[in-house]
């Protein structure tokens, strides 16, 4: 009988091995998908349903709650190739093959990997939902008038996910598509109930037995226990004990008067004294360092000395006194003047010159006339005067400022500073150097140069009813030569008839022409040419204007 049974067993398993050669074994399933007796390409097609599960949300639950994640958030990845290889393997145990013939399934687990960093991060994000936090022991205070009472906060255990076991479960059952129940484990706070009681009866009561003193900049605060106790708690110190803690936000709100002890930093500046720029010292500012002060208060309430200094952060100015003295602002490196303006233009020139007087341009920094002065309108005291509008003379608020721009441009030119942007007038004005002048218009045309020297540039301006001057103080490093080219390509003035009014200024006109200017910058010590640049300027003819 045994021999006959063995013969039947051998015949069945042998016939099945022959029938499934190059195919999956009989009874094979992958994540409950029937893939019995299939060639490799059909196994691949059979996994299509599994791909839909991969794209679906992953649902998990614990005894505390439910949550939903994407596979990417949990760091889950499915290795399709290795899973197919595993499915194509024939069983080594002949009993498994024999039983499969009679309907017993062979379950092949999909190959899934879990990125534990992503997995743990995802569970951390849902900790409040999926876990029950432990309650750490501690002590807090309540205040009723002058009476301060210490209260114990007794510890309690919590429940958290067993991360290692959860990772194994999700790898095994993710592709089943069902909600996965994560196992939990109990964990305990670091502070025992006995430690809470001992702290309550000892350090916590001693902490509020006497006032404390805080010494600030120019101010001393005497704080009775009723004032500082609401700010203090005793919490875990990481070593199984309890230590005093102070919330810095609460401290800031409770001691708002310390804001009066703060100060803003003030940068060093320059002023003209005895005919030359002199450094006006700056100073640091100080702001209360609330976290550090909170830590100081916490240690003070349990210390022998019940007095402490308020902590401050020093905020250094943008330009310290020492840095200002190292800028090398000591001699005139360029100076330029222009003259010949009307009374109204002169008022605008005076205002803009006063605004720029005392400007400091640090090494490597740019100076923009428009940005530095800001708006130049009636609200700032500027008046209506002559401008060039669409190629002819007109009037507008701020007229005449271009004369200051030309003066400033030439001072920067002869100081050897880098020209970032400037724009010449549309037609030539005889009181300005040819091809070496500049106009500005708020919001549209600017004058910008860069301090390309290793020293600071201090700008001094002066004004009279007939002239404006700009001086630049620094340390001389270059010499500048200006060469004006000859005029050529003359153009005749057009005739222009405009409506009579205050904005129509009659003119006989003048011819336009093209010319150039070459700036040659040499090293002040060696005489070596540093740069040579020629700028060609085409001036339009000034129109012959008739007002009717």
Protein backbone atom coordinates (compact mmCIF):
# COMPACT_ATOMS: atom_id res chain seq x y z
CA UNK A 1 0.00 0.00 0.00
CA UNK A 2 2.83 2.38 0.90
CA UNK A 3 4.63 1.53 -2.33
CA UNK A 4 1.49 2.23 -4.35
CA UNK A 5 1.00 5.58 -2.59
CA UNK A 6 4.59 6.53 -3.27
CA UNK A 7 4.16 5.57 -6.89
CA UNK A 8 1.05 7.78 -7.21
CA UNK A 9 2.82 10.68 -5.43
CA UNK A 10 5.81 10.43 -7.76
CA UNK A 11 3.67 10.20 -10.86
CA UNK A 12 1.56 13.23 -9.88
CA UNK A 13 4.49 15.45 -8.95
CA UNK A 14 6.49 14.39 -11.98
CA UNK A 15 3.61 15.03 -14.34
CA UNK A 16 3.01 18.46 -12.76
CA UNK A 17 6.68 19.40 -13.01
CA UNK A 18 6.63 18.48 -16.72
CA UNK A 19 3.36 20.37 -17.31
CA UNK A 20 4.53 23.59 -15.60
CA UNK A 21 8.05 23.66 -16.96
CA UNK A 22 8.89 27.30 -17.90
CA UNK A 23 5.71 28.44 -16.15
CA UNK A 24 4.65 29.37 -12.66
CA UNK A 25 3.88 26.50 -10.37
CA UNK A 26 0.33 25.34 -9.96
CA UNK A 27 -1.58 27.25 -7.30
CA UNK A 28 0.75 30.31 -7.39
CA UNK A 29 -0.71 33.62 -6.14
CA UNK A 30 0.94 37.03 -5.68
CA UNK A 31 -0.89 39.33 -3.24
CA UNK A 32 -4.01 37.17 -3.79
CA UNK A 33 -3.76 37.53 -7.60
CA UNK A 34 -4.14 34.07 -9.23
CA UNK A 35 -1.06 33.46 -11.40
CA UNK A 36 -1.10 29.67 -11.63
CA UNK A 37 0.61 27.89 -14.56
CA UNK A 38 1.48 31.08 -16.50
CA UNK A 39 4.42 32.03 -18.67
CA UNK A 40 6.49 35.05 -17.70
CA UNK A 41 4.77 37.51 -20.02
CA UNK A 42 1.35 36.54 -18.64
CA UNK A 43 2.64 36.96 -15.08
CA UNK A 44 3.67 40.49 -16.00
CA UNK A 45 0.19 41.20 -17.39
CA UNK A 46 -1.39 39.63 -14.33
CA UNK A 47 0.29 42.21 -12.10
CA UNK A 48 -1.70 45.06 -13.70
CA UNK A 49 -4.21 45.02 -10.83
CA UNK A 50 -1.30 45.32 -8.43
CA UNK A 51 -0.13 48.51 -10.14
CA UNK A 52 -3.48 50.10 -9.34
CA UNK A 53 -2.99 49.28 -5.65
CA UNK A 54 0.47 50.91 -5.78
CA UNK A 55 -1.07 54.21 -6.91
CA UNK A 56 -3.86 54.11 -4.29
CA UNK A 57 -3.61 55.69 -0.80
CA UNK A 58 -2.17 53.47 1.91
CA UNK A 59 -4.56 53.24 4.87
CA UNK A 60 -3.26 52.45 8.35
CA UNK A 61 -4.80 52.36 11.82
CA UNK A 62 -3.86 51.90 15.43
CA UNK A 63 -5.81 51.65 18.64
CA UNK A 64 -5.70 55.46 18.73
CA UNK A 65 -6.83 56.42 15.23
CA UNK A 66 -6.64 56.20 11.43
CA UNK A 67 -4.36 57.86 8.87
CA UNK A 68 -3.75 57.80 5.14
CA UNK A 69 -0.47 58.17 3.22
CA UNK A 70 0.91 57.80 -0.26
CA UNK A 71 3.37 55.00 -0.95
CA UNK A 72 6.02 57.66 -1.62
CA UNK A 73 5.46 59.27 1.79
CA UNK A 74 5.94 55.91 3.52
CA UNK A 75 9.04 55.11 1.46
CA UNK A 76 7.40 52.03 -0.12
CA UNK A 77 8.67 50.63 -3.40
CA UNK A 78 7.65 47.50 -5.33
CA UNK A 79 10.35 45.51 -7.17
CA UNK A 80 8.36 44.08 -10.04
CA UNK A 81 11.25 42.21 -11.67
CA UNK A 82 12.30 40.38 -8.53
CA UNK A 83 8.67 39.60 -7.73
CA UNK A 84 8.19 37.98 -11.16
CA UNK A 85 11.41 36.00 -10.70
CA UNK A 86 10.15 34.78 -7.33
CA UNK A 87 6.81 33.78 -8.86
CA UNK A 88 8.54 31.85 -11.67
CA UNK A 89 10.57 29.73 -9.22
CA UNK A 90 9.42 26.12 -8.98
CA UNK A 91 8.81 24.77 -5.45
CA UNK A 92 11.66 22.65 -4.08
CA UNK A 93 9.38 20.71 -1.75
CA UNK A 94 7.57 17.96 -3.74
CA UNK A 95 4.77 17.93 -1.14
CA UNK A 96 3.98 21.56 -1.98
CA UNK A 97 3.71 20.61 -5.67
CA UNK A 98 1.55 17.56 -4.87
CA UNK A 99 -0.89 19.53 -2.70
CA UNK A 100 -1.16 22.31 -5.34
CA UNK A 101 -2.60 19.73 -7.75
CA UNK A 102 -5.48 19.27 -5.31
CA UNK A 103 -6.15 23.03 -4.92
CA UNK A 104 -3.82 24.13 -2.14
CA UNK A 105 -2.45 27.61 -3.01
CA UNK A 106 1.22 28.62 -3.06
CA UNK A 107 1.45 32.23 -1.82
CA UNK A 108 4.35 34.26 -3.21
CA UNK A 109 5.08 37.45 -1.29
CA UNK A 110 5.73 40.57 -3.49
CA UNK A 111 9.21 42.04 -3.12
CA UNK A 112 8.65 45.35 -1.27
CA UNK A 113 11.27 47.58 0.32
CA UNK A 114 10.71 50.25 2.96
CA UNK A 115 12.82 53.40 3.28
CA UNK A 116 12.88 53.67 7.06
CA UNK A 117 13.83 57.34 7.08
CA UNK A 118 10.73 58.27 5.05
CA UNK A 119 8.59 55.73 6.90
CA UNK A 120 9.49 57.11 10.33
CA UNK A 121 9.07 60.71 9.14
CA UNK A 122 5.56 59.94 7.83
CA UNK A 123 4.52 58.32 11.12
CA UNK A 124 6.01 61.22 13.06
CA UNK A 125 3.75 63.61 11.11
CA UNK A 126 0.65 61.72 12.34
CA UNK A 127 1.85 61.05 15.87
CA UNK A 128 -1.04 62.93 17.47
CA UNK A 129 -3.55 60.80 15.55
CA UNK A 130 -1.92 57.38 15.69
CA UNK A 131 -0.21 57.42 19.10
CA UNK A 132 -1.05 58.29 22.66
CA UNK A 133 1.54 60.61 24.14
CA UNK A 134 3.02 59.91 27.52
CA UNK A 135 2.51 62.62 30.13
CA UNK A 136 5.75 63.77 31.70
CA UNK A 137 5.81 64.62 35.35
CA UNK A 138 6.28 68.21 36.46
CA UNK A 139 5.27 71.06 38.73
CA UNK A 140 3.43 74.30 37.91
CA UNK A 141 2.22 77.29 39.90
CA UNK A 142 -0.99 79.25 40.31
CA UNK A 143 -1.24 82.73 41.78
CA UNK A 144 -4.10 84.21 43.78
CA UNK A 145 -3.20 87.75 44.80
CA UNK A 146 0.12 87.43 46.62
CA UNK A 147 -0.41 83.75 47.34
CA UNK A 148 1.56 81.29 45.20
CA UNK A 149 0.65 77.57 45.17
CA UNK A 150 2.71 74.75 43.66
CA UNK A 151 0.79 71.90 41.95
CA UNK A 152 2.07 68.46 40.89
CA UNK A 153 1.67 67.16 37.32
CA UNK A 154 1.72 63.39 37.73
CA UNK A 155 3.24 61.26 34.93
CA UNK A 156 1.29 58.77 32.81
CA UNK A 157 2.45 56.14 30.30
CA UNK A 158 1.69 56.36 26.58
CA UNK A 159 1.29 54.11 23.54
CA UNK A 160 3.47 54.34 20.45
CA UNK A 161 3.80 52.37 17.24
CA UNK A 162 6.30 49.52 17.27
CA UNK A 163 8.19 50.92 14.26
CA UNK A 164 10.23 47.79 13.44
CA UNK A 165 7.21 45.48 13.49
CA UNK A 166 5.09 48.06 11.61
CA UNK A 167 7.68 48.25 8.83
CA UNK A 168 7.61 44.44 8.48
CA UNK A 169 3.81 44.37 8.35
CA UNK A 170 3.48 47.10 5.75
CA UNK A 171 6.08 45.43 3.52
CA UNK A 172 4.12 42.17 3.76
CA UNK A 173 0.58 43.52 3.35
CA UNK A 174 0.77 46.87 1.51
CA UNK A 175 -0.18 45.32 -1.82
CA UNK A 176 -3.13 43.44 -0.36
CA UNK A 177 -4.91 46.81 -0.57
CA UNK A 178 -6.49 46.51 2.88
CA UNK A 179 -6.18 48.81 5.87
CA UNK A 180 -3.15 47.78 7.93
CA UNK A 181 -3.29 47.55 11.71
CA UNK A 182 -0.03 48.66 13.32
CA UNK A 183 1.06 47.05 16.61
CA UNK A 184 1.55 49.34 19.61
CA UNK A 185 3.93 49.30 22.55
CA UNK A 186 3.72 51.01 25.89
CA UNK A 187 6.35 53.57 26.86
CA UNK A 188 6.92 55.48 30.04
CA UNK A 189 7.83 59.08 30.91
CA UNK A 190 11.33 59.81 32.19
CA UNK A 191 10.15 61.27 35.48
CA UNK A 192 8.55 59.13 38.18
CA UNK A 193 5.68 60.11 40.48
CA UNK A 194 8.09 59.90 43.43
CA UNK A 195 10.40 62.45 41.79
CA UNK A 196 7.44 64.82 41.22
CA UNK A 197 6.48 64.60 44.90
CA UNK A 198 10.05 65.16 46.06
CA UNK A 199 10.43 68.21 43.78
CA UNK A 200 7.09 69.63 44.92
CA UNK A 201 8.06 69.42 48.58
CA UNK A 202 11.61 70.70 48.04
CA UNK A 203 12.98 72.81 45.14
CA UNK A 204 9.58 73.91 43.80
CA UNK A 205 8.50 75.50 47.09
CA UNK A 206 11.95 76.99 47.73
CA UNK A 207 11.91 78.59 44.25
CA UNK A 208 9.00 80.88 45.17
CA UNK A 209 9.95 81.54 48.76
CA UNK A 210 11.71 84.87 48.05
CA UNK A 211 11.76 87.64 45.40
CA UNK A 212 14.37 87.72 42.65
CA UNK A 213 16.23 90.72 41.19
CA UNK A 214 16.96 91.29 37.50
CA UNK A 215 19.63 93.83 36.59
CA UNK A 216 19.12 95.41 33.16
CA UNK A 217 20.91 98.22 31.31
CA UNK A 218 20.08 101.25 33.43
CA UNK A 219 17.20 99.51 35.17
CA UNK A 220 16.69 97.07 38.07
CA UNK A 221 13.56 94.96 38.50
CA UNK A 222 12.54 93.53 41.87
CA UNK A 223 10.16 90.64 41.12
CA UNK A 224 8.03 89.16 43.93
CA UNK A 225 7.12 85.45 43.64
CA UNK A 226 3.58 86.35 42.60
CA UNK A 227 4.99 88.00 39.47
CA UNK A 228 7.56 85.45 38.30
CA UNK A 229 5.88 82.20 39.48
CA UNK A 230 3.38 82.05 36.55
CA UNK A 231 6.39 82.03 34.21
CA UNK A 232 8.12 79.07 35.90
CA UNK A 233 7.48 75.34 35.61
CA UNK A 234 9.53 72.31 36.62
CA UNK A 235 9.99 69.93 33.71
CA UNK A 236 12.15 66.89 32.76
CA UNK A 237 15.89 67.54 32.75
CA UNK A 238 16.66 64.49 30.56
CA UNK A 239 18.27 62.66 33.47
CA UNK A 240 15.15 61.47 35.27
CA UNK A 241 14.83 64.59 37.37
CA UNK A 242 13.00 67.92 37.22
CA UNK A 243 14.54 71.33 36.62
CA UNK A 244 13.05 74.85 36.54
CA UNK A 245 12.08 76.12 33.09
CA UNK A 246 10.91 79.57 31.91
CA UNK A 247 9.03 80.18 28.66
CA UNK A 248 10.81 83.07 26.90
CA UNK A 249 7.64 84.26 25.11
CA UNK A 250 5.77 84.51 28.41
CA UNK A 251 8.76 86.25 29.97
CA UNK A 252 8.83 88.81 27.16
CA UNK A 253 5.13 89.55 27.62
CA UNK A 254 5.39 89.77 31.42
CA UNK A 255 8.48 92.01 31.48
CA UNK A 256 7.57 94.38 28.65
CA UNK A 257 9.27 97.25 30.52
CA UNK A 258 12.64 95.73 29.62
CA UNK A 259 11.98 96.96 26.10
CA UNK A 260 12.92 100.42 27.37
CA UNK A 261 16.46 99.20 28.03
CA UNK A 262 17.01 98.28 24.39
CA UNK A 263 18.72 100.54 21.87
CA UNK A 264 19.23 100.69 18.12
CA UNK A 265 22.66 100.60 16.51
CA UNK A 266 23.94 103.85 15.04
CA UNK A 267 26.40 103.78 12.17
CA UNK A 268 29.49 105.95 12.16
CA UNK A 269 29.19 108.94 9.85
CA UNK A 270 31.35 111.79 8.59
CA UNK A 271 30.97 115.51 9.10
CA UNK A 272 33.00 118.44 7.86
CA UNK A 273 35.16 119.95 10.60
CA UNK A 274 38.01 122.34 9.98
CA UNK A 275 37.49 122.01 6.25
CA UNK A 276 37.85 118.21 6.06
CA UNK A 277 35.70 115.12 6.74
CA UNK A 278 35.89 113.83 10.32
CA UNK A 279 34.48 110.55 11.64
CA UNK A 280 31.47 110.86 13.92
CA UNK A 281 31.61 107.67 16.05
CA UNK A 282 28.79 105.16 15.86
CA UNK A 283 27.67 102.72 18.51
CA UNK A 284 26.21 99.24 18.87
CA UNK A 285 22.58 98.60 19.70
CA UNK A 286 21.35 96.11 22.29
CA UNK A 287 18.22 93.95 22.30
CA UNK A 288 17.11 91.66 25.11
CA UNK A 289 18.08 88.04 24.47
CA UNK A 290 14.85 86.55 25.77
CA UNK A 291 15.80 82.84 25.53
CA UNK A 292 19.07 83.49 27.38
CA UNK A 293 17.29 85.68 29.94
CA UNK A 294 14.66 82.97 30.46
CA UNK A 295 17.44 80.46 31.13
CA UNK A 296 19.02 82.92 33.59
CA UNK A 297 15.74 83.40 35.46
CA UNK A 298 15.25 79.61 35.63
CA UNK A 299 18.65 79.09 37.25
CA UNK A 300 18.17 82.08 39.56
CA UNK A 301 14.99 80.80 41.25
CA UNK A 302 16.88 77.76 42.55
CA UNK A 303 20.25 79.42 43.13
CA UNK A 304 21.82 80.79 46.27
CA UNK A 305 22.06 84.27 44.73
CA UNK A 306 18.59 85.43 43.81
CA UNK A 307 19.84 88.13 41.47
CA UNK A 308 20.93 87.92 37.83
CA UNK A 309 21.76 90.09 34.84
CA UNK A 310 19.39 90.40 31.88
CA UNK A 311 21.07 88.96 28.77
CA UNK A 312 21.44 91.17 25.70
CA UNK A 313 22.39 90.65 22.09
CA UNK A 314 24.78 93.23 20.67
CA UNK A 315 23.79 94.53 17.24
CA UNK A 316 26.70 96.19 15.53
CA UNK A 317 26.04 99.11 13.16
CA UNK A 318 26.40 98.73 9.42
CA UNK A 319 29.47 100.96 9.64
CA UNK A 320 31.48 100.80 12.83
CA UNK A 321 33.71 103.64 14.01
CA UNK A 322 36.80 101.52 13.39
CA UNK A 323 35.66 100.60 9.87
CA UNK A 324 34.90 104.26 9.08
CA UNK A 325 38.40 105.29 10.12
CA UNK A 326 39.86 102.65 7.81
CA UNK A 327 37.99 103.95 4.74
CA UNK A 328 40.80 106.35 3.89
CA UNK A 329 38.59 109.45 3.54
CA UNK A 330 41.37 112.00 3.87
CA UNK A 331 41.93 114.10 0.74
CA UNK A 332 40.10 115.65 -2.19
CA UNK A 333 40.37 113.28 -5.17
CA UNK A 334 38.11 115.26 -7.51
CA UNK A 335 36.10 118.46 -7.65
CA UNK A 336 33.78 119.95 -10.25
CA UNK A 337 31.58 123.05 -10.49
CA UNK A 338 28.96 124.39 -12.89
CA UNK A 339 27.23 127.76 -13.00
CA UNK A 340 24.68 129.77 -14.92
CA UNK A 341 21.18 128.84 -13.76
CA UNK A 342 17.94 130.67 -13.06
CA UNK A 343 16.55 131.41 -9.61
CA UNK A 344 13.92 128.65 -9.79
CA UNK A 345 16.40 126.09 -11.13
CA UNK A 346 18.77 127.20 -8.42
CA UNK A 347 16.21 126.34 -5.73
CA UNK A 348 15.94 122.78 -7.06
CA UNK A 349 19.72 122.50 -7.37
CA UNK A 350 20.11 123.70 -3.78
CA UNK A 351 17.68 121.08 -2.49
CA UNK A 352 19.21 118.15 -4.33
CA UNK A 353 22.74 119.28 -3.44
CA UNK A 354 21.77 119.42 0.25
CA UNK A 355 20.26 115.94 -0.01
CA UNK A 356 23.47 114.46 -1.43
CA UNK A 357 25.86 116.39 0.81
CA UNK A 358 27.55 113.95 3.19
CA UNK A 359 26.76 110.82 1.16
CA UNK A 360 29.21 107.96 1.71
CA UNK A 361 29.88 105.35 -0.96
CA UNK A 362 31.70 102.31 0.43
CA UNK A 363 34.21 100.36 -1.69
CA UNK A 364 32.40 98.25 -4.27
CA UNK A 365 29.04 99.98 -3.70
CA UNK A 366 26.94 101.79 -6.29
CA UNK A 367 25.51 105.28 -5.94
CA UNK A 368 22.19 106.01 -7.68
CA UNK A 369 21.08 109.65 -7.63
CA UNK A 370 17.40 108.75 -8.00
CA UNK A 371 17.49 106.09 -5.29
CA UNK A 372 19.48 108.26 -2.90
CA UNK A 373 17.27 111.34 -3.08
CA UNK A 374 13.95 109.55 -3.48
CA UNK A 375 10.97 111.52 -4.86
CA UNK A 376 11.70 115.09 -5.99
CA UNK A 377 8.27 116.66 -6.17
CA UNK A 378 6.35 119.57 -4.70
CA UNK A 379 5.87 117.66 -1.44
CA UNK A 380 9.65 117.66 -1.01
CA UNK A 381 9.89 121.39 -1.73
CA UNK A 382 10.96 121.25 -5.40
CA UNK A 383 9.55 123.89 -7.77
CA UNK A 384 8.70 124.19 -11.45
CA UNK A 385 11.56 125.15 -13.75
CA UNK A 386 12.97 124.53 -17.22
CA UNK A 387 13.41 120.98 -18.53
CA UNK A 388 13.86 119.42 -21.98
CA UNK A 389 10.64 117.65 -22.96
CA UNK A 390 10.42 115.79 -26.29
CA UNK A 391 13.34 117.69 -27.74
CA UNK A 392 12.34 121.23 -26.76
CA UNK A 393 12.41 123.41 -23.67
CA UNK A 394 9.45 123.17 -21.31
CA UNK A 395 8.70 123.46 -17.60
CA UNK A 396 8.15 120.87 -14.86
CA UNK A 397 8.65 120.40 -11.14
CA UNK A 398 12.30 119.59 -10.45
CA UNK A 399 13.73 121.35 -13.50
CA UNK A 400 17.41 122.16 -13.07
CA UNK A 401 18.34 119.01 -11.20
CA UNK A 402 20.15 117.82 -14.32
CA UNK A 403 22.70 120.58 -13.71
CA UNK A 404 23.53 118.99 -10.38
CA UNK A 405 23.59 115.57 -12.09
CA UNK A 406 26.17 116.91 -14.59
CA UNK A 407 28.25 118.34 -11.75
CA UNK A 408 28.12 115.08 -9.80
CA UNK A 409 28.86 113.02 -12.91
CA UNK A 410 32.00 115.03 -13.64
CA UNK A 411 33.21 114.73 -10.06
CA UNK A 412 32.80 110.92 -10.31
CA UNK A 413 34.43 111.03 -13.76
CA UNK A 414 37.58 112.75 -12.50
CA UNK A 415 37.69 110.54 -9.38
CA UNK A 416 38.13 107.61 -11.78
CA UNK A 417 34.91 105.90 -10.59
CA UNK A 418 33.16 103.32 -12.74
CA UNK A 419 30.33 104.73 -14.88
CA UNK A 420 27.38 102.36 -14.56
CA UNK A 421 24.77 104.46 -16.37
CA UNK A 422 24.24 108.05 -17.40
CA UNK A 423 22.35 109.81 -20.18
CA UNK A 424 23.29 113.03 -21.97
CA UNK A 425 20.77 115.77 -22.74
CA UNK A 426 19.00 115.37 -26.06
CA UNK A 427 20.54 118.61 -27.36
CA UNK A 428 23.73 120.37 -26.31
CA UNK A 429 23.67 122.97 -23.52
CA UNK A 430 26.66 125.29 -23.76
CA UNK A 431 27.39 125.57 -20.02
CA UNK A 432 28.16 121.82 -19.87
CA UNK A 433 31.26 119.97 -21.20
CA UNK A 434 30.61 118.33 -24.57
CA UNK A 435 29.91 114.58 -24.30
CA UNK A 436 30.61 114.78 -20.55
CA UNK A 437 27.30 115.72 -18.99
CA UNK A 438 24.22 113.99 -17.65
CA UNK A 439 20.50 114.44 -17.21
CA UNK A 440 18.11 112.68 -14.84
CA UNK A 441 14.36 112.19 -14.64
CA UNK A 442 12.62 110.59 -11.69
CA UNK A 443 11.62 106.99 -12.40
CA UNK A 444 13.06 106.97 -15.94
CA UNK A 445 16.61 108.33 -16.29
CA UNK A 446 19.20 107.83 -13.56
CA UNK A 447 22.84 108.62 -12.86
CA UNK A 448 24.66 105.62 -11.35
CA UNK A 449 28.34 105.09 -10.66
CA UNK A 450 30.28 102.52 -8.64
CA UNK A 451 33.11 103.04 -6.20
CA UNK A 452 35.68 100.75 -7.76
CA UNK A 453 38.46 101.83 -5.41
CA UNK A 454 39.58 100.19 -2.15
CA UNK A 455 38.68 103.36 -0.22
CA UNK A 456 35.46 105.10 0.78
CA UNK A 457 34.11 108.06 -1.19
CA UNK A 458 32.68 110.96 0.83
CA UNK A 459 30.65 113.45 -1.22
CA UNK A 460 30.71 117.11 -0.20
CA UNK A 461 28.46 119.59 -2.01
CA UNK A 462 28.25 123.36 -1.87
CA UNK A 463 25.82 125.80 -3.46
CA UNK A 464 25.49 129.50 -4.11
CA UNK A 465 22.95 131.52 -6.08
CA UNK A 466 25.16 131.23 -9.16
CA UNK A 467 27.13 127.95 -8.90
CA UNK A 468 27.09 124.42 -7.51
CA UNK A 469 30.14 122.32 -6.65
CA UNK A 470 30.80 118.68 -5.80
CA UNK A 471 33.91 117.44 -4.05
CA UNK A 472 34.85 113.80 -3.55
CA UNK A 473 37.07 112.89 -0.62
CA UNK A 474 38.99 109.61 -0.51
CA UNK A 475 42.58 108.42 -1.02
CA UNK A 476 43.96 109.25 -4.44
CA UNK A 477 44.82 106.18 -6.51
CA UNK A 478 44.38 107.43 -10.08
CA UNK A 479 44.84 110.40 -12.39
CA UNK A 480 42.23 111.13 -15.05
CA UNK A 481 42.67 112.88 -18.39
CA UNK A 482 39.71 114.02 -20.51
CA UNK A 483 40.01 114.47 -24.27
CA UNK A 484 37.11 116.07 -26.17
CA UNK A 485 36.74 115.10 -29.81
CA UNK A 486 35.93 117.43 -32.71
CA UNK A 487 32.38 118.20 -33.78
CA UNK A 488 31.07 116.69 -37.00
CA UNK A 489 27.89 115.55 -38.77
CA UNK A 490 26.00 118.81 -38.14
CA UNK A 491 22.19 118.88 -38.42
CA UNK A 492 20.00 121.97 -38.86
CA UNK A 493 17.33 122.89 -36.30
CA UNK A 494 13.71 122.20 -37.22
CA UNK A 495 11.01 124.82 -36.83
CA UNK A 496 8.44 124.13 -34.15
CA UNK A 497 5.22 126.05 -33.43
CA UNK A 498 3.65 125.44 -29.99
CA UNK A 499 0.58 126.82 -28.24
CA UNK A 500 1.36 129.98 -26.32
CA UNK A 501 1.57 129.47 -22.56
CA UNK A 502 3.93 129.10 -19.63
CA UNK A 503 5.22 125.77 -20.97
CA UNK A 504 6.17 127.28 -24.34
CA UNK A 505 9.66 128.79 -24.29
CA UNK A 506 10.65 130.57 -27.55
CA UNK A 507 14.05 129.68 -28.97
CA UNK A 508 16.14 130.54 -32.04
CA UNK A 509 17.43 126.95 -31.98
CA UNK A 510 20.91 125.62 -32.62
CA UNK A 511 22.51 123.03 -34.84
CA UNK A 512 22.96 119.46 -33.72
CA UNK A 513 26.24 117.61 -34.04
CA UNK A 514 28.16 114.48 -33.11
CA UNK A 515 31.24 114.52 -30.89
CA UNK A 516 33.06 112.30 -28.42
CA UNK A 517 34.90 112.23 -25.14
CA UNK A 518 37.78 109.95 -24.16
CA UNK A 519 38.60 109.26 -20.51
CA UNK A 520 42.11 108.01 -19.82
CA UNK A 521 42.66 106.66 -16.30
CA UNK A 522 46.24 106.10 -15.11
CA UNK A 523 47.77 104.79 -11.90
CA UNK A 524 48.66 107.73 -9.64
CA UNK A 525 51.94 106.12 -8.55
CA UNK A 526 53.25 104.45 -11.71
CA UNK A 527 51.53 106.42 -14.46
CA UNK A 528 50.50 103.16 -16.11
CA UNK A 529 47.28 103.36 -18.15
CA UNK A 530 44.51 101.50 -16.35
CA UNK A 531 41.71 102.19 -18.84
CA UNK A 532 40.89 104.25 -21.91
CA UNK A 533 37.29 104.67 -22.97
CA UNK A 534 35.75 106.79 -25.74
CA UNK A 535 32.06 107.68 -25.67
CA UNK A 536 30.46 109.08 -28.82
CA UNK A 537 27.45 111.35 -28.36
CA UNK A 538 25.00 112.56 -31.01
CA UNK A 539 23.23 115.77 -30.01
CA UNK A 540 19.96 116.61 -31.70
CA UNK A 541 19.48 120.15 -33.00
CA UNK A 542 17.64 122.46 -30.62
CA UNK A 543 14.43 123.40 -32.44
CA UNK A 544 13.50 126.93 -33.45
CA UNK A 545 10.41 127.38 -31.27
CA UNK A 546 7.63 129.90 -31.92
CA UNK A 547 4.78 130.31 -29.46
CA UNK A 548 1.33 131.09 -30.98
